[in-house]
Amino acid sequence: MPEPGPAARLVILMDEGRTWNHKPLVNEIIARAHRAKLAGASAFRGVEGFGASQMVHTSRILDLSDKLPMMVLIVDSHDKIEGFLPELVELPIGGVITIDDVTVVGPGAGEADTR
């Protein structure tokens, strides 16, 4: 976990159908974040969304899609997030990557610092 105080949040929005070397792209992004020793990375599957194509993808059973929205969320220091960006350049994300300023207030309730 990054130290309490100013930090950066990296958000990658893409669809779950993206692959890299015959594996889900989200797995590659998480693995690269782990190798880069970032504080943590989480991936979330959306239930509905659309992107540049304006086609709505949904998890509703009658409209089931294999391209549901995915979000990868990483929070760490500005320097570490900026240093990680070159790792994303060669990947076929096909979505949106954003970075915004956040404030880390400390570990969540009931969590111990395991450093």
C-alpha atoms as a PDB file:
ATOM      1  CA  MET A   1       0.000   0.000   0.000  1.00  0.00           C
ATOM      2  CA  PRO A   2       1.347   3.450  -0.804  1.00  0.00           C
ATOM      3  CA  GLU A   3       2.107   5.769   2.077  1.00  0.00           C
ATOM      4  CA  PRO A   4      -0.753   8.000   3.243  1.00  0.00           C
ATOM      5  CA  GLY A   5      -0.827  11.250   1.291  1.00  0.00           C
ATOM      6  CA  PRO A   6      -0.885  12.246  -2.376  1.00  0.00           C
ATOM      7  CA  ALA A   7      -0.901   9.391  -4.878  1.00  0.00           C
ATOM      8  CA  ALA A   8      -2.028   8.550  -8.403  1.00  0.00           C
ATOM      9  CA  ARG A   9      -4.815   6.252  -9.592  1.00  0.00           C
ATOM     10  CA  LEU A  10      -4.369   4.497 -12.925  1.00  0.00           C
ATOM     11  CA  VAL A  11      -7.622   3.282 -14.482  1.00  0.00           C
ATOM     12  CA  ILE A  12      -7.697   1.096 -17.584  1.00  0.00           C
ATOM     13  CA  LEU A  13     -11.100   0.652 -19.238  1.00  0.00           C
ATOM     14  CA  MET A  14     -11.368  -2.075 -21.864  1.00  0.00           C
ATOM     15  CA  ASP A  15     -13.515  -5.044 -22.823  1.00  0.00           C
ATOM     16  CA  GLU A  16     -12.907  -8.507 -21.430  1.00  0.00           C
ATOM     17  CA  GLY A  17     -12.543 -10.035 -24.897  1.00  0.00           C
ATOM     18  CA  ARG A  18      -9.055  -8.545 -25.344  1.00  0.00           C
ATOM     19  CA  THR A  19      -6.195 -11.068 -25.338  1.00  0.00           C
ATOM     20  CA  TRP A  20      -2.402 -11.103 -25.245  1.00  0.00           C
ATOM     21  CA  ASN A  21      -0.499 -14.273 -26.205  1.00  0.00           C
ATOM     22  CA  HIS A  22      -3.756 -16.271 -26.168  1.00  0.00           C
ATOM     23  CA  LYS A  23      -4.587 -15.252 -22.573  1.00  0.00           C
ATOM     24  CA  PRO A  24      -6.941 -12.588 -21.234  1.00  0.00           C
ATOM     25  CA  LEU A  25      -5.251  -9.190 -21.497  1.00  0.00           C
ATOM     26  CA  VAL A  26      -6.361  -8.278 -17.985  1.00  0.00           C
ATOM     27  CA  ASN A  27      -4.155 -11.101 -16.639  1.00  0.00           C
ATOM     28  CA  GLU A  28      -1.134  -9.667 -18.456  1.00  0.00           C
ATOM     29  CA  ILE A  29      -1.752  -6.174 -17.090  1.00  0.00           C
ATOM     30  CA  ILE A  30      -2.036  -7.492 -13.519  1.00  0.00           C
ATOM     31  CA  ALA A  31       1.117  -9.617 -13.960  1.00  0.00           C
ATOM     32  CA  ARG A  32       3.079  -6.626 -15.265  1.00  0.00           C
ATOM     33  CA  ALA A  33       1.890  -4.474 -12.372  1.00  0.00           C
ATOM     34  CA  HIS A  34       3.006  -7.196  -9.962  1.00  0.00           C
ATOM     35  CA  ARG A  35       6.438  -7.486 -11.612  1.00  0.00           C
ATOM     36  CA  ALA A  36       6.767  -3.692 -11.411  1.00  0.00           C
ATOM     37  CA  LYS A  37       6.174  -4.004  -7.643  1.00  0.00           C
ATOM     38  CA  LEU A  38       3.242  -1.620  -7.692  1.00  0.00           C
ATOM     39  CA  ALA A  39       1.269  -1.410  -4.454  1.00  0.00           C
ATOM     40  CA  GLY A  40      -1.617  -3.425  -5.900  1.00  0.00           C
ATOM     41  CA  ALA A  41      -3.870  -3.910  -8.871  1.00  0.00           C
ATOM     42  CA  SER A  42      -7.474  -5.075  -9.109  1.00  0.00           C
ATOM     43  CA  ALA A  43      -9.676  -5.946 -12.061  1.00  0.00           C
ATOM     44  CA  PHE A  44     -13.440  -5.496 -12.091  1.00  0.00           C
ATOM     45  CA  ARG A  45     -15.964  -6.834 -14.602  1.00  0.00           C
ATOM     46  CA  GLY A  46     -18.820  -4.501 -15.419  1.00  0.00           C
ATOM     47  CA  VAL A  47     -22.402  -5.597 -15.913  1.00  0.00           C
ATOM     48  CA  GLU A  48     -23.094  -3.228 -18.773  1.00  0.00           C
ATOM     49  CA  GLY A  49     -21.318  -0.570 -20.809  1.00  0.00           C
ATOM     50  CA  PHE A  50     -20.388   0.856 -24.177  1.00  0.00           C
ATOM     51  CA  GLY A  51     -17.358   2.489 -25.730  1.00  0.00           C
ATOM     52  CA  ALA A  52     -16.329   4.130 -28.965  1.00  0.00           C
ATOM     53  CA  SER A  53     -18.427   1.721 -31.060  1.00  0.00           C
ATOM     54  CA  GLN A  54     -21.557   2.859 -29.192  1.00  0.00           C
ATOM     55  CA  MET A  55     -22.613  -0.817 -28.983  1.00  0.00           C
ATOM     56  CA  VAL A  56     -23.994  -1.647 -25.532  1.00  0.00           C
ATOM     57  CA  HIS A  57     -22.587  -4.856 -24.014  1.00  0.00           C
ATOM     58  CA  THR A  58     -24.582  -6.331 -21.151  1.00  0.00           C
ATOM     59  CA  SER A  59     -24.641  -9.295 -18.792  1.00  0.00           C
ATOM     60  CA  ARG A  60     -28.425  -9.627 -19.060  1.00  0.00           C
ATOM     61  CA  ILE A  61     -29.098 -13.207 -20.082  1.00  0.00           C
ATOM     62  CA  LEU A  62     -31.037 -12.397 -23.266  1.00  0.00           C
ATOM     63  CA  ASP A  63     -28.309 -10.039 -24.489  1.00  0.00           C
ATOM     64  CA  LEU A  64     -25.305 -11.933 -23.102  1.00  0.00           C
ATOM     65  CA  SER A  65     -22.010 -10.563 -24.381  1.00  0.00           C
ATOM     66  CA  ASP A  66     -18.459 -11.908 -24.285  1.00  0.00           C
ATOM     67  CA  LYS A  67     -17.203  -8.333 -24.359  1.00  0.00           C
ATOM     68  CA  LEU A  68     -18.330  -7.011 -20.998  1.00  0.00           C
ATOM     69  CA  PRO A  69     -16.537  -3.915 -19.742  1.00  0.00           C
ATOM     70  CA  MET A  70     -13.431  -4.445 -17.625  1.00  0.00           C
ATOM     71  CA  MET A  71     -11.688  -1.954 -15.356  1.00  0.00           C
ATOM     72  CA  VAL A  72      -8.179  -2.376 -13.967  1.00  0.00           C
ATOM     73  CA  LEU A  73      -7.474  -0.097 -11.023  1.00  0.00           C
ATOM     74  CA  ILE A  74      -3.991   0.617  -9.650  1.00  0.00           C
ATOM     75  CA  VAL A  75      -3.057   3.141  -6.937  1.00  0.00           C
ATOM     76  CA  ASP A  76       0.551   4.014  -6.129  1.00  0.00           C
ATOM     77  CA  SER A  77       2.886   6.998  -6.088  1.00  0.00           C
ATOM     78  CA  HIS A  78       2.885   9.317  -9.093  1.00  0.00           C
ATOM     79  CA  ASP A  79       6.440   8.259  -9.959  1.00  0.00           C
ATOM     80  CA  LYS A  80       5.643   4.543  -9.913  1.00  0.00           C
ATOM     81  CA  ILE A  81       2.472   4.975 -11.968  1.00  0.00           C
ATOM     82  CA  GLU A  82       4.269   7.136 -14.550  1.00  0.00           C
ATOM     83  CA  GLY A  83       7.091   4.580 -14.659  1.00  0.00           C
ATOM     84  CA  PHE A  84       4.596   1.798 -15.351  1.00  0.00           C
ATOM     85  CA  LEU A  85       3.020   3.456 -18.417  1.00  0.00           C
ATOM     86  CA  PRO A  86       5.648   2.128 -20.893  1.00  0.00           C
ATOM     87  CA  GLU A  87       4.544  -1.397 -19.868  1.00  0.00           C
ATOM     88  CA  LEU A  88       1.117  -0.643 -21.337  1.00  0.00           C
ATOM     89  CA  VAL A  89       2.245   0.812 -24.684  1.00  0.00           C
ATOM     90  CA  GLU A  90       2.643  -2.486 -26.542  1.00  0.00           C
ATOM     91  CA  LEU A  91      -0.601  -3.996 -25.254  1.00  0.00           C
ATOM     92  CA  PRO A  92      -3.759  -3.898 -27.415  1.00  0.00           C
ATOM     93  CA  ILE A  93      -5.930  -2.265 -24.752  1.00  0.00           C
ATOM     94  CA  GLY A  94      -8.294  -0.651 -27.227  1.00  0.00           C
ATOM     95  CA  GLY A  95      -9.976   1.329 -24.485  1.00  0.00           C
ATOM     96  CA  VAL A  96      -9.181   4.283 -22.290  1.00  0.00           C
ATOM     97  CA  ILE A  97      -6.325   4.787 -19.828  1.00  0.00           C
ATOM     98  CA  THR A  98      -6.624   7.576 -17.275  1.00  0.00           C
ATOM     99  CA  ILE A  99      -4.537   8.831 -14.385  1.00  0.00           C
ATOM    100  CA  ASP A 100      -5.924  11.054 -11.692  1.00  0.00           C
ATOM    101  CA  ASP A 101      -4.768  12.430  -8.363  1.00  0.00           C
ATOM    102  CA  VAL A 102      -5.999  10.716  -5.209  1.00  0.00           C
ATOM    103  CA  THR A 103      -5.217  10.896  -1.519  1.00  0.00           C
ATOM    104  CA  VAL A 104      -4.326   7.707   0.321  1.00  0.00           C
ATOM    105  CA  VAL A 105      -5.687   7.935   3.852  1.00  0.00           C
ATOM    106  CA  GLY A 106      -4.278   4.662   5.177  1.00  0.00           C
ATOM    107  CA  PRO A 107      -5.106   0.969   5.245  1.00  0.00           C
ATOM    108  CA  GLY A 108      -8.747  -0.037   5.238  1.00  0.00           C
ATOM    109  CA  ALA A 109     -10.513  -0.822   8.499  1.00  0.00           C
ATOM    110  CA  GLY A 110      -9.368  -4.134   9.931  1.00  0.00           C
ATOM    111  CA  GLU A 111      -6.424  -4.509   7.570  1.00  0.00           C
ATOM    112  CA  ALA A 112      -2.900  -4.857   8.882  1.00  0.00           C
ATOM    113  CA  ASP A 113       0.137  -3.365   7.218  1.00  0.00           C
ATOM    114  CA  THR A 114       2.066  -6.464   6.113  1.00  0.00           C
ATOM    115  CA  ARG A 115       5.306  -4.804   5.096  1.00  0.00           C
END
